[in-house]
Amino acid sequence: MNYAHRDPALEAVVDRWIPAADRERTDALLTRLGADGERLTGLAAVADQHPPTLRQFDRDGNRIDEIDYHPAYLELCRAAFHEYGLSALSHRPVHGWDIKPPHLVKYLASYLFVQSEFGLACPVSMTDAAARTLRMFGDPEIFTPWIDGLTSTEPDNAMTGAMFMTEPQAGTDIAQTETTAVRDGQGWRLSGKKWFASNPDADVIITLARYPGGPEGSTRGVGMFMVPKRLANGTRNSYTIDRLKDKLGTRSMPSGEVTLDGAYGIQVGDLDRGFRQMAEMVNTSRLSNAMRSAALMRRSVRDAVEHTHQRIVFGKALFEQPLMRATLLPLLLDAEAALALVGYSAHCLQRADAGDPDARNLIRILTPIAKHHVCKRARFVTGEAMEIRGGNGYIEEWGFAKLVRDAHLGSIWEGSSNVIALDVLRCMRKQDAHRHLASAMLALLADLESDCDSGAAALEERWHRLAADGDELLAGESDTAEIGCARYADDLARAVMATVLFDIASRRIAAGRGYRSLLVANAFLAGLDGEASTVALDHLDAIAEGTDVDADIARAAAPRTLAGAHR
């Protein structure tokens, strides 16, 4: 099985946002990764069963804090960092490109990899984000060698990155950071405890610490520092890995508790902007979170569909039974919509990095709404897919249980759902982000093919209502706004997904690529109001397998209240 070729949602996103000049190289990379999926999945299963272990002392009693990994995990590292260069894709020419590939290539390649192995995607993402952060805020004369290491695909030169931010008393509330930094010549010495440090033996650590004279109880009193694993003379830096966490999921990848004991660090950017600079790294990781959750959704739904085709109950395949089709439909639509949202967000990030201020405003709110909604939804989709597999789904050997365990991390990683919802509210208060988003979506809807008229009309009305709802949320009491912001973030996410699905459908229709994507878009729109499209249920094989349908069928899948409607 080639994971890329069995994913019609992936093909649709590639068609929509990968430029023609990048298409051949993108297809070659995704085809190669997709064909490697079964091998990588086998390695991931073994690595999950053999978590890393910490050796704090050598036989002579010297403190070494080395982490031992199973060979399967090391083979996955070779694939991710070196063979496929997932952490290098946004930073340097690889895989035949003579310039940096588009951001979306990285997200789509990682999306395929995560369908096999989720845990390692954390170090990959942090390595990528660390390089981006040092490039954006660091002095090139100081940090270029580190950036080169973080983005290298050569095993002898490559480095990995990590982000040590959480402390026992300072997870969400960074102003409560207690780690301190004191000057030591041109560098700094950091002391404090970091409570949840994934990839704790990384070569390059980005962390936060309070600096002398900084305002107390404020994030402006927290600076950003780069802490290398090893010093210039080759000795280990002064910090210890106190223990590794025993986690529900991502068991292949170590997370630990770390004590900085006068560890040498290098200042990154402006001292009083440390948290804001760290937010750039966090936001990059948050979009990767949404991508990873979308990957888990796709993998679990694909495997569930395969099972329902093979399982015969009462003389008929499960896939052909009405209730099972009604169970599968929303899962398939959720998986496709999630990838569409990630694809559009990556496209906006590309434009933002090129200096587009509108795209910069969009990605600022798209990132938290994608993280909030997709990561939560992945928990439901993977759980439903496990149940479809029946008793075997609950057994670790079949892989579904691992997907469910891993899916729960997405909503916690890089900020729990409530933190993310409050970030959406912050964007609204500071930038009228909901209004910018509504304007961008209305512009997409205004440019659709006539086959999409009924859906466009319904979504135009929805976006006007959402903009007004956002204004009302901001005008009310602060407590009321906080209570309602999570629901509103999900409403925004679902509306963006629906809009982008219609945008994809319109482009494919115009390019002569068929009407399946319109069937998906109309069925997803129907689901927003709790309606299971009977037409979509009748043509579930087209949604699952990527086969085309007639235009009349695709249009008929629109919500019943929109039958025959036009703008």
Protein backbone atom coordinates (compact mmCIF):
# COMPACT_ATOMS: atom_id res chain seq x y z
CA MET A 1 0.00 0.00 0.00
CA ASN A 2 1.25 3.47 -0.89
CA TYR A 3 -0.08 5.86 1.75
CA ALA A 4 0.09 8.81 -0.64
CA HIS A 5 -1.79 7.12 -3.47
CA ARG A 6 -4.59 5.93 -1.18
CA ASP A 7 -5.38 9.46 0.00
CA PRO A 8 -7.67 11.50 -2.27
CA ALA A 9 -7.57 14.41 0.19
CA LEU A 10 -3.81 14.64 -0.28
CA GLU A 11 -4.13 14.74 -4.05
CA ALA A 12 -6.70 17.54 -3.81
CA VAL A 13 -4.49 19.67 -1.55
CA VAL A 14 -1.44 19.14 -3.74
CA ASP A 15 -3.44 20.14 -6.82
CA ARG A 16 -4.71 23.28 -5.12
CA TRP A 17 -1.62 24.78 -3.49
CA ILE A 18 1.55 23.23 -4.88
CA PRO A 19 2.79 25.43 -7.75
CA ALA A 20 3.31 23.78 -11.12
CA ALA A 21 7.06 24.39 -10.93
CA ASP A 22 7.23 22.34 -7.70
CA ARG A 23 4.76 19.62 -8.64
CA GLU A 24 7.07 16.98 -10.10
CA ARG A 25 9.51 17.07 -7.19
CA THR A 26 6.64 17.14 -4.67
CA ASP A 27 4.94 14.13 -6.25
CA ALA A 28 8.23 12.22 -6.30
CA LEU A 29 8.89 12.90 -2.61
CA LEU A 30 5.35 12.05 -1.49
CA THR A 31 5.27 8.89 -3.62
CA ARG A 32 8.56 7.72 -2.12
CA LEU A 33 7.41 8.46 1.43
CA GLY A 34 4.02 6.88 0.84
CA ALA A 35 5.62 3.71 -0.48
CA ASP A 36 7.77 3.54 2.65
CA GLY A 37 4.77 3.75 4.97
CA GLU A 38 4.50 0.07 5.80
CA ARG A 39 8.19 -0.21 6.71
CA LEU A 40 8.04 2.90 8.87
CA THR A 41 4.85 1.67 10.54
CA GLY A 42 6.56 -1.58 11.48
CA LEU A 43 9.51 0.28 12.97
CA ALA A 44 7.17 2.60 14.87
CA ALA A 45 5.31 -0.34 16.42
CA VAL A 46 8.55 -1.81 17.71
CA ALA A 47 9.84 1.56 18.99
CA ASP A 48 6.55 2.13 20.82
CA GLN A 49 6.96 -1.20 22.62
CA HIS A 50 10.56 -0.41 23.61
CA PRO A 51 10.63 3.13 25.05
CA PRO A 52 13.94 4.92 25.58
CA THR A 53 15.72 4.56 28.89
CA LEU A 54 17.87 7.01 30.86
CA ARG A 55 21.37 6.18 32.09
CA GLN A 56 22.31 8.88 34.56
CA PHE A 57 25.72 7.46 35.59
CA ASP A 58 28.46 5.46 33.95
CA ARG A 59 30.09 2.49 35.65
CA ASP A 60 32.58 4.77 37.39
CA GLY A 61 29.83 6.85 38.95
CA ASN A 62 30.25 9.83 36.63
CA ARG A 63 27.09 11.72 35.71
CA ILE A 64 26.45 11.20 31.98
CA ASP A 65 22.63 11.53 31.49
CA GLU A 66 22.57 9.54 28.28
CA ILE A 67 19.38 8.20 26.73
CA ASP A 68 19.45 4.77 25.12
CA TYR A 69 17.16 4.18 22.15
CA HIS A 70 15.93 1.01 20.52
CA PRO A 71 17.42 0.44 17.04
CA ALA A 72 13.94 0.81 15.54
CA TYR A 73 13.70 4.39 16.81
CA LEU A 74 17.16 5.20 15.51
CA GLU A 75 16.14 3.87 12.11
CA LEU A 76 13.09 6.13 12.20
CA CYS A 77 15.40 9.06 13.04
CA ARG A 78 17.56 8.26 10.04
CA ALA A 79 14.49 8.26 7.83
CA ALA A 80 12.98 11.47 9.21
CA PHE A 81 16.08 13.65 9.58
CA HIS A 82 18.41 12.32 6.92
CA GLU A 83 16.62 10.32 4.23
CA TYR A 84 13.55 12.58 3.97
CA GLY A 85 15.00 15.70 5.59
CA LEU A 86 11.72 16.66 7.24
CA SER A 87 13.30 19.27 9.49
CA ALA A 88 15.32 20.74 6.60
CA LEU A 89 12.53 21.14 4.06
CA SER A 90 11.66 24.72 5.01
CA HIS A 91 15.28 25.85 5.26
CA ARG A 92 17.46 24.63 2.41
CA PRO A 93 17.34 23.08 -1.07
CA VAL A 94 16.74 19.33 -0.81
CA HIS A 95 15.18 16.57 -2.92
CA GLY A 96 16.09 18.21 -6.22
CA TRP A 97 15.00 21.76 -5.41
CA ASP A 98 17.53 24.49 -6.12
CA ILE A 99 15.75 26.80 -3.65
CA LYS A 100 13.88 26.11 -0.43
CA PRO A 101 10.73 24.05 -1.13
CA PRO A 102 7.36 25.61 -0.23
CA HIS A 103 6.29 25.20 3.40
CA LEU A 104 3.42 22.99 2.29
CA VAL A 105 5.83 20.35 1.00
CA LYS A 106 7.20 19.97 4.53
CA TYR A 107 3.74 19.69 6.03
CA LEU A 108 2.54 17.13 3.48
CA ALA A 109 5.69 15.00 3.73
CA SER A 110 5.43 15.09 7.52
CA TYR A 111 1.72 14.24 7.26
CA LEU A 112 2.64 11.01 5.48
CA PHE A 113 5.44 10.20 7.92
CA VAL A 114 3.20 10.76 10.96
CA GLN A 115 0.72 8.21 9.66
CA SER A 116 3.46 5.74 10.56
CA GLU A 117 5.20 7.40 13.50
CA PHE A 118 3.77 10.20 15.61
CA GLY A 119 6.24 10.50 18.50
CA LEU A 120 9.33 11.36 16.50
CA ALA A 121 7.40 14.17 14.82
CA CYS A 122 7.88 16.20 18.01
CA PRO A 123 11.70 16.37 17.75
CA VAL A 124 11.39 16.92 14.00
CA SER A 125 9.00 19.84 14.53
CA MET A 126 11.10 21.38 17.32
CA THR A 127 14.28 21.07 15.25
CA ASP A 128 12.58 22.86 12.36
CA ALA A 129 11.11 25.51 14.69
CA ALA A 130 14.41 26.05 16.52
CA ALA A 131 16.18 26.75 13.23
CA ARG A 132 13.41 29.15 12.20
CA THR A 133 13.56 30.96 15.56
CA LEU A 134 17.35 31.36 15.53
CA ARG A 135 17.23 32.60 11.95
CA MET A 136 14.47 35.12 12.71
CA PHE A 137 15.82 36.53 15.98
CA GLY A 138 19.43 35.45 16.41
CA ASP A 139 22.66 37.14 15.37
CA PRO A 140 23.77 35.38 12.15
CA GLU A 141 27.44 35.66 13.12
CA ILE A 142 26.73 33.65 16.24
CA PHE A 143 23.98 31.25 15.26
CA THR A 144 24.67 30.30 11.63
CA PRO A 145 26.67 27.17 12.59
CA TRP A 146 23.81 26.03 14.82
CA ILE A 147 21.23 26.72 12.13
CA ASP A 148 23.34 24.78 9.65
CA GLY A 149 23.43 21.83 12.04
CA LEU A 150 19.70 21.92 12.74
CA THR A 151 18.90 21.92 9.02
CA SER A 152 21.54 19.44 7.90
CA THR A 153 20.54 16.10 6.40
CA GLU A 154 24.03 14.66 6.85
CA PRO A 155 24.19 12.25 9.83
CA ASP A 156 27.67 13.40 10.87
CA ASN A 157 26.69 17.09 11.00
CA ALA A 158 23.00 17.06 11.90
CA MET A 159 21.65 18.39 15.18
CA THR A 160 18.24 18.15 16.79
CA GLY A 161 16.39 20.87 18.68
CA ALA A 162 14.17 21.13 21.73
CA MET A 163 12.11 23.72 23.54
CA PHE A 164 12.29 23.83 27.35
CA MET A 165 9.52 26.16 28.45
CA THR A 166 7.24 24.44 30.96
CA GLU A 167 8.12 24.63 34.67
CA PRO A 168 6.28 23.11 37.65
CA GLN A 169 4.58 26.43 38.41
CA ALA A 170 4.81 28.00 34.93
CA GLY A 171 3.12 26.12 32.12
CA THR A 172 0.43 28.39 30.78
CA ASP A 173 1.53 31.40 32.86
CA ILE A 174 5.02 32.11 31.55
CA ALA A 175 5.25 35.21 33.75
CA GLN A 176 5.72 32.78 36.66
CA THR A 177 8.97 31.42 35.18
CA GLU A 178 11.53 30.92 37.97
CA THR A 179 14.57 29.86 35.97
CA THR A 180 17.15 32.63 36.22
CA ALA A 181 19.89 33.85 33.91
CA VAL A 182 22.97 35.75 35.07
CA ARG A 183 25.68 37.29 32.93
CA ASP A 184 28.92 35.37 32.40
CA GLY A 185 31.14 37.34 30.05
CA GLN A 186 29.55 37.30 26.61
CA GLY A 187 27.19 34.52 27.65
CA TRP A 188 24.78 33.66 30.44
CA ARG A 189 24.42 31.04 33.15
CA LEU A 190 20.95 29.56 33.58
CA SER A 191 19.63 27.82 36.69
CA GLY A 192 16.19 26.33 37.24
CA LYS A 193 13.94 23.34 36.66
CA LYS A 194 12.07 22.50 33.46
CA TRP A 195 9.21 20.13 34.10
CA PHE A 196 8.23 18.78 30.69
CA ALA A 197 11.11 18.69 28.21
CA SER A 198 10.62 16.52 25.14
CA ASN A 199 13.73 15.38 23.29
CA PRO A 200 15.73 16.30 26.41
CA ASP A 201 19.07 15.20 24.95
CA ALA A 202 18.76 17.57 21.97
CA ASP A 203 21.86 19.31 20.68
CA VAL A 204 20.20 22.74 20.69
CA ILE A 205 17.77 23.86 23.38
CA ILE A 206 15.66 27.01 23.17
CA THR A 207 14.51 28.07 26.63
CA LEU A 208 13.25 30.97 28.73
CA ALA A 209 14.71 32.47 31.90
CA ARG A 210 14.32 35.59 34.02
CA TYR A 211 17.12 38.12 33.59
CA PRO A 212 18.44 40.65 36.15
CA GLY A 213 16.45 43.86 36.25
CA GLY A 214 13.54 42.52 34.25
CA PRO A 215 10.03 43.38 35.46
CA GLU A 216 8.74 40.83 37.96
CA GLY A 217 5.49 39.00 37.25
CA SER A 218 5.57 39.94 33.57
CA THR A 219 6.50 38.06 30.43
CA ARG A 220 8.69 41.05 29.54
CA GLY A 221 10.98 39.95 32.34
CA VAL A 222 11.66 36.65 30.58
CA GLY A 223 14.41 36.36 27.98
CA MET A 224 15.09 33.71 25.35
CA PHE A 225 18.34 31.73 25.39
CA MET A 226 19.94 28.99 23.36
CA VAL A 227 21.53 26.30 25.52
CA PRO A 228 23.86 23.93 23.65
CA LYS A 229 24.17 20.34 24.74
CA ARG A 230 27.93 20.53 24.50
CA LEU A 231 30.32 23.41 25.03
CA ALA A 232 33.00 24.54 22.60
CA ASN A 233 35.60 22.33 24.31
CA GLY A 234 33.40 19.26 23.84
CA THR A 235 32.34 18.88 27.47
CA ARG A 236 28.70 18.50 28.39
CA ASN A 237 26.82 21.61 29.45
CA SER A 238 25.80 21.96 33.09
CA TYR A 239 22.31 20.48 33.25
CA THR A 240 20.89 17.12 34.26
CA ILE A 241 18.07 14.94 33.00
CA ASP A 242 16.43 13.96 36.26
CA ARG A 243 14.04 11.35 34.94
CA LEU A 244 11.96 10.42 31.88
CA LYS A 245 8.18 10.67 31.89
CA ASP A 246 5.99 7.56 31.71
CA LYS A 247 3.50 8.77 29.08
CA LEU A 248 0.17 7.57 27.73
CA GLY A 249 1.36 7.94 24.12
CA THR A 250 4.38 9.01 22.06
CA ARG A 251 6.24 6.37 24.01
CA SER A 252 8.98 6.02 21.42
CA MET A 253 10.19 9.58 22.05
CA PRO A 254 11.60 10.66 25.44
CA SER A 255 10.19 13.49 27.51
CA GLY A 256 11.88 14.34 30.78
CA GLU A 257 12.44 16.63 33.71
CA VAL A 258 15.58 18.75 33.45
CA THR A 259 17.53 20.81 35.96
CA LEU A 260 19.70 23.63 34.64
CA ASP A 261 22.60 24.09 37.06
CA GLY A 262 24.49 27.13 35.81
CA ALA A 263 24.11 25.92 32.24
CA TYR A 264 25.84 28.07 29.64
CA GLY A 265 23.41 29.89 27.37
CA ILE A 266 23.52 32.41 24.54
CA GLN A 267 21.00 35.25 24.38
CA VAL A 268 18.61 35.14 21.42
CA GLY A 269 17.15 38.46 20.29
CA ASP A 270 16.01 41.17 22.69
CA LEU A 271 15.92 40.22 26.36
CA ASP A 272 12.52 41.79 27.03
CA ARG A 273 10.96 40.09 24.00
CA GLY A 274 11.88 36.55 24.92
CA PHE A 275 8.34 35.31 25.32
CA ARG A 276 7.14 36.96 22.11
CA GLN A 277 10.01 35.36 20.25
CA MET A 278 9.24 32.00 21.83
CA ALA A 279 5.64 32.44 20.68
CA GLU A 280 6.90 32.30 17.09
CA MET A 281 8.45 28.90 17.79
CA VAL A 282 5.32 27.74 19.61
CA ASN A 283 3.00 28.89 16.80
CA THR A 284 5.07 27.04 14.23
CA SER A 285 4.79 23.92 16.37
CA ARG A 286 1.04 24.45 16.83
CA LEU A 287 0.40 24.29 13.11
CA SER A 288 2.48 21.13 13.02
CA ASN A 289 0.25 19.82 15.81
CA ALA A 290 -2.80 20.26 13.61
CA MET A 291 -1.01 18.53 10.75
CA ARG A 292 -0.05 15.60 12.96
CA SER A 293 -3.61 15.21 14.20
CA ALA A 294 -4.88 15.30 10.63
CA ALA A 295 -2.42 12.50 9.83
CA LEU A 296 -3.70 10.36 12.71
CA MET A 297 -7.25 10.90 11.50
CA ARG A 298 -6.36 9.83 7.97
CA ARG A 299 -4.47 6.74 9.09
CA SER A 300 -7.22 5.58 11.45
CA VAL A 301 -10.04 6.17 8.99
CA ARG A 302 -8.19 4.51 6.12
CA ASP A 303 -7.57 1.42 8.24
CA ALA A 304 -11.19 1.41 9.41
CA VAL A 305 -12.44 1.54 5.81
CA GLU A 306 -10.13 -1.31 4.87
CA HIS A 307 -11.57 -3.36 7.72
CA THR A 308 -15.18 -2.67 6.76
CA HIS A 309 -14.50 -3.84 3.20
CA GLN A 310 -13.05 -7.13 4.44
CA ARG A 311 -15.36 -7.88 7.36
CA ILE A 312 -18.51 -9.81 6.42
CA VAL A 313 -21.39 -9.62 8.91
CA PHE A 314 -24.78 -11.27 8.28
CA GLY A 315 -23.73 -12.06 4.73
CA LYS A 316 -22.72 -8.52 3.72
CA ALA A 317 -19.56 -6.43 3.97
CA LEU A 318 -19.69 -3.92 6.81
CA PHE A 319 -18.93 -1.13 4.35
CA GLU A 320 -22.24 -1.81 2.58
CA GLN A 321 -24.35 -1.69 5.73
CA PRO A 322 -26.30 1.56 6.22
CA LEU A 323 -25.43 2.29 9.84
CA MET A 324 -21.73 1.65 9.22
CA ARG A 325 -21.80 3.98 6.22
CA ALA A 326 -23.41 6.64 8.41
CA THR A 327 -20.61 6.07 10.96
CA LEU A 328 -17.82 6.29 8.40
CA LEU A 329 -19.07 9.35 6.51
CA PRO A 330 -18.34 12.05 9.14
CA LEU A 331 -14.97 10.47 9.93
CA LEU A 332 -13.92 10.58 6.29
CA LEU A 333 -15.16 14.16 5.96
CA ASP A 334 -13.37 15.24 9.15
CA ALA A 335 -10.08 13.78 7.91
CA GLU A 336 -10.37 15.47 4.52
CA ALA A 337 -11.43 18.82 5.98
CA ALA A 338 -8.59 18.75 8.51
CA LEU A 339 -5.97 18.33 5.80
CA ALA A 340 -7.61 21.08 3.73
CA LEU A 341 -7.33 23.46 6.70
CA VAL A 342 -3.67 22.56 7.20
CA GLY A 343 -3.00 23.01 3.49
CA TYR A 344 -4.60 26.44 3.37
CA SER A 345 -2.80 27.51 6.55
CA ALA A 346 0.57 26.41 5.16
CA HIS A 347 -0.20 28.39 2.00
CA CYS A 348 -0.91 31.47 4.13
CA LEU A 349 2.30 30.93 6.11
CA GLN A 350 4.23 30.90 2.84
CA ARG A 351 2.67 34.22 1.84
CA ALA A 352 3.23 35.67 5.31
CA ASP A 353 6.92 34.79 5.21
CA ALA A 354 7.11 36.52 1.82
CA GLY A 355 5.89 39.74 3.47
CA ASP A 356 2.13 39.67 2.80
CA PRO A 357 0.52 41.52 5.76
CA ASP A 358 -2.94 40.07 5.09
CA ALA A 359 -1.53 36.56 5.17
CA ARG A 360 0.32 37.41 8.39
CA ASN A 361 -2.98 38.37 10.01
CA LEU A 362 -4.62 35.22 8.68
CA ILE A 363 -1.98 32.77 9.87
CA ARG A 364 -2.07 34.35 13.32
CA ILE A 365 -5.65 33.18 13.83
CA LEU A 366 -5.64 30.14 11.53
CA THR A 367 -2.94 28.49 13.63
CA PRO A 368 -4.83 28.45 16.95
CA ILE A 369 -8.21 27.60 15.44
CA ALA A 370 -6.65 24.69 13.52
CA LYS A 371 -4.82 23.50 16.61
CA HIS A 372 -7.92 23.84 18.79
CA HIS A 373 -10.37 22.06 16.53
CA VAL A 374 -8.36 19.48 14.61
CA CYS A 375 -6.50 18.14 17.65
CA LYS A 376 -9.70 17.72 19.64
CA ARG A 377 -11.48 16.13 16.70
CA ALA A 378 -8.65 13.64 16.20
CA ARG A 379 -9.39 12.15 19.61
CA PHE A 380 -12.96 11.42 18.50
CA VAL A 381 -12.08 10.18 15.02
CA THR A 382 -9.35 7.79 16.17
CA GLY A 383 -11.63 6.50 18.94
CA GLU A 384 -14.52 5.87 16.55
CA ALA A 385 -12.19 4.16 14.09
CA MET A 386 -10.91 1.90 16.87
CA GLU A 387 -14.47 0.95 17.76
CA ILE A 388 -15.23 0.11 14.13
CA ARG A 389 -12.45 -2.48 14.30
CA GLY A 390 -14.26 -4.12 17.22
CA GLY A 391 -12.40 -6.03 19.92
CA ASN A 392 -9.26 -6.26 17.83
CA GLY A 393 -9.17 -2.47 17.70
CA TYR A 394 -8.57 -2.46 21.46
CA ILE A 395 -5.59 -4.80 21.08
CA GLU A 396 -2.22 -3.10 20.70
CA GLU A 397 -1.07 -5.40 17.88
CA TRP A 398 -3.61 -3.89 15.47
CA GLY A 399 -2.35 -0.33 15.81
CA PHE A 400 -5.60 1.47 16.55
CA ALA A 401 -4.91 1.73 20.28
CA LYS A 402 -1.59 3.46 19.57
CA LEU A 403 -3.34 5.99 17.34
CA VAL A 404 -5.84 6.75 20.09
CA ARG A 405 -3.10 7.11 22.72
CA ASP A 406 -1.10 9.43 20.51
CA ALA A 407 -4.13 11.49 19.48
CA HIS A 408 -4.73 12.67 23.02
CA LEU A 409 -1.45 14.54 23.10
CA GLY A 410 -2.38 16.96 20.31
CA SER A 411 -4.83 18.86 22.48
CA ILE A 412 -2.25 19.21 25.29
CA TRP A 413 1.00 19.72 23.38
CA GLU A 414 2.00 23.38 22.90
CA GLY A 415 -0.96 24.62 24.94
CA SER A 416 -4.11 22.82 26.03
CA SER A 417 -7.38 23.52 24.25
CA ASN A 418 -8.50 26.22 26.71
CA VAL A 419 -5.18 28.04 26.32
CA ILE A 420 -5.55 27.91 22.55
CA ALA A 421 -9.15 29.15 22.65
CA LEU A 422 -8.04 32.10 24.76
CA ASP A 423 -5.35 32.79 22.16
CA VAL A 424 -8.08 33.00 19.51
CA LEU A 425 -9.87 35.52 21.73
CA ARG A 426 -6.63 37.46 22.12
CA CYS A 427 -6.25 37.65 18.33
CA MET A 428 -9.79 38.96 18.07
CA ARG A 429 -9.26 41.62 20.71
CA LYS A 430 -5.93 42.86 19.38
CA GLN A 431 -6.40 42.55 15.63
CA ASP A 432 -10.09 42.02 14.85
CA ALA A 433 -8.82 38.70 13.54
CA HIS A 434 -12.30 37.23 13.12
CA ARG A 435 -13.15 40.09 10.76
CA HIS A 436 -9.96 39.57 8.72
CA LEU A 437 -10.73 35.87 8.53
CA ALA A 438 -14.32 36.44 7.45
CA SER A 439 -13.17 38.84 4.72
CA ALA A 440 -10.65 36.34 3.40
CA MET A 441 -13.24 33.56 3.34
CA LEU A 442 -15.84 35.73 1.64
CA ALA A 443 -13.26 36.57 -1.02
CA LEU A 444 -12.71 32.86 -1.66
CA LEU A 445 -16.46 32.25 -1.90
CA ALA A 446 -16.92 35.09 -4.39
CA ASP A 447 -14.55 33.35 -6.81
CA LEU A 448 -16.17 29.91 -7.00
CA GLU A 449 -17.53 28.11 -10.03
CA SER A 450 -21.31 28.19 -10.50
CA ASP A 451 -21.58 24.51 -9.50
CA CYS A 452 -20.75 25.70 -5.98
CA ASP A 453 -23.44 28.39 -5.85
CA SER A 454 -25.71 26.84 -3.24
CA GLY A 455 -22.85 26.10 -0.85
CA ALA A 456 -21.30 29.52 -1.41
CA ALA A 457 -24.57 31.26 -0.61
CA ALA A 458 -24.97 29.32 2.63
CA LEU A 459 -21.38 29.98 3.68
CA GLU A 460 -21.58 33.68 2.85
CA GLU A 461 -24.52 33.92 5.22
CA ARG A 462 -22.65 31.89 7.83
CA TRP A 463 -19.58 34.14 7.65
CA HIS A 464 -21.61 37.31 8.06
CA ARG A 465 -23.24 35.74 11.09
CA LEU A 466 -19.90 34.59 12.52
CA ALA A 467 -18.40 38.07 12.13
CA ALA A 468 -21.36 39.55 13.99
CA ASP A 469 -21.15 36.83 16.66
CA GLY A 470 -17.48 37.67 17.17
CA ASP A 471 -18.29 41.36 17.57
CA GLU A 472 -20.93 40.47 20.12
CA LEU A 473 -18.48 38.25 22.00
CA LEU A 474 -15.98 41.10 22.23
CA ALA A 475 -18.61 43.64 23.28
CA GLY A 476 -19.80 41.57 26.24
CA GLU A 477 -18.35 40.94 29.65
CA SER A 478 -14.83 39.53 29.75
CA ASP A 479 -15.95 36.39 31.60
CA THR A 480 -18.71 35.79 29.07
CA ALA A 481 -16.24 36.12 26.21
CA GLU A 482 -13.90 33.60 27.82
CA ILE A 483 -16.75 31.16 28.40
CA GLY A 484 -17.79 31.38 24.76
CA CYS A 485 -14.43 31.55 23.00
CA ALA A 486 -13.85 27.78 22.73
CA ARG A 487 -17.21 27.18 21.05
CA TYR A 488 -16.60 30.16 18.79
CA ALA A 489 -13.12 28.90 17.84
CA ASP A 490 -14.67 25.61 16.74
CA ASP A 491 -17.36 27.45 14.76
CA LEU A 492 -14.64 29.40 12.95
CA ALA A 493 -12.65 26.25 12.24
CA ARG A 494 -15.61 24.38 10.77
CA ALA A 495 -16.58 27.36 8.61
CA VAL A 496 -13.01 27.72 7.31
CA MET A 497 -12.90 24.00 6.52
CA ALA A 498 -16.17 24.16 4.61
CA THR A 499 -15.07 27.25 2.68
CA VAL A 500 -11.70 25.77 1.76
CA LEU A 501 -13.32 22.50 0.68
CA PHE A 502 -15.52 24.46 -1.74
CA ASP A 503 -12.48 26.41 -2.94
CA ILE A 504 -10.70 23.11 -3.67
CA ALA A 505 -13.80 21.74 -5.41
CA SER A 506 -14.18 24.82 -7.57
CA ARG A 507 -10.55 24.72 -8.70
CA ARG A 508 -10.77 21.03 -9.56
CA ILE A 509 -13.96 21.53 -11.52
CA ALA A 510 -12.39 24.40 -13.46
CA ALA A 511 -9.33 22.25 -14.20
CA GLY A 512 -11.45 19.34 -15.42
CA ARG A 513 -10.51 17.16 -12.45
CA GLY A 514 -14.05 16.01 -11.71
CA TYR A 515 -16.75 16.52 -9.10
CA ARG A 516 -15.77 14.28 -6.20
CA SER A 517 -14.42 17.25 -4.22
CA LEU A 518 -17.77 19.03 -4.61
CA LEU A 519 -19.49 15.94 -3.23
CA VAL A 520 -17.16 16.14 -0.21
CA ALA A 521 -17.71 19.88 0.25
CA ASN A 522 -21.49 19.63 0.08
CA ALA A 523 -21.55 16.65 2.43
CA PHE A 524 -19.33 18.47 4.95
CA LEU A 525 -21.55 21.55 4.75
CA ALA A 526 -24.60 19.40 5.43
CA GLY A 527 -22.85 17.95 8.44
CA LEU A 528 -22.35 21.41 9.95
CA ASP A 529 -26.09 21.48 10.60
CA GLY A 530 -26.22 17.87 11.76
CA GLU A 531 -27.46 16.47 8.45
CA ALA A 532 -26.01 13.27 6.99
CA SER A 533 -26.27 13.72 3.22
CA THR A 534 -28.11 10.70 1.82
CA VAL A 535 -26.44 11.29 -1.54
CA ALA A 536 -23.02 11.20 0.10
CA LEU A 537 -23.97 8.00 1.93
CA ASP A 538 -25.00 6.43 -1.38
CA HIS A 539 -21.65 7.38 -2.90
CA LEU A 540 -19.43 6.76 0.10
CA ASP A 541 -17.03 4.72 -2.02
CA ALA A 542 -16.19 7.84 -4.04
CA ILE A 543 -15.37 9.77 -0.87
CA ALA A 544 -13.31 6.94 0.59
CA GLU A 545 -11.48 5.84 -2.55
CA GLY A 546 -11.27 9.04 -4.59
CA THR A 547 -13.33 7.92 -7.57
CA ASP A 548 -15.29 10.58 -9.43
CA VAL A 549 -19.05 11.23 -9.52
CA ASP A 550 -21.34 13.03 -11.93
CA ALA A 551 -21.91 16.73 -11.48
CA ASP A 552 -25.61 16.21 -10.70
CA ILE A 553 -24.74 13.79 -7.91
CA ALA A 554 -22.21 16.18 -6.38
CA ARG A 555 -24.66 19.08 -6.49
CA ALA A 556 -27.45 16.94 -5.03
CA ALA A 557 -25.32 16.23 -1.96
CA ALA A 558 -25.88 19.81 -0.76
CA PRO A 559 -27.94 20.26 2.42
CA ARG A 560 -31.62 19.69 1.76
CA THR A 561 -32.47 23.30 2.64
CA LEU A 562 -30.21 24.48 -0.18
CA ALA A 563 -31.55 22.31 -2.97
CA GLY A 564 -31.70 24.47 -6.10
CA ALA A 565 -30.40 27.56 -4.29
CA HIS A 566 -28.20 30.05 -6.18
CA ARG A 567 -26.41 33.22 -5.31
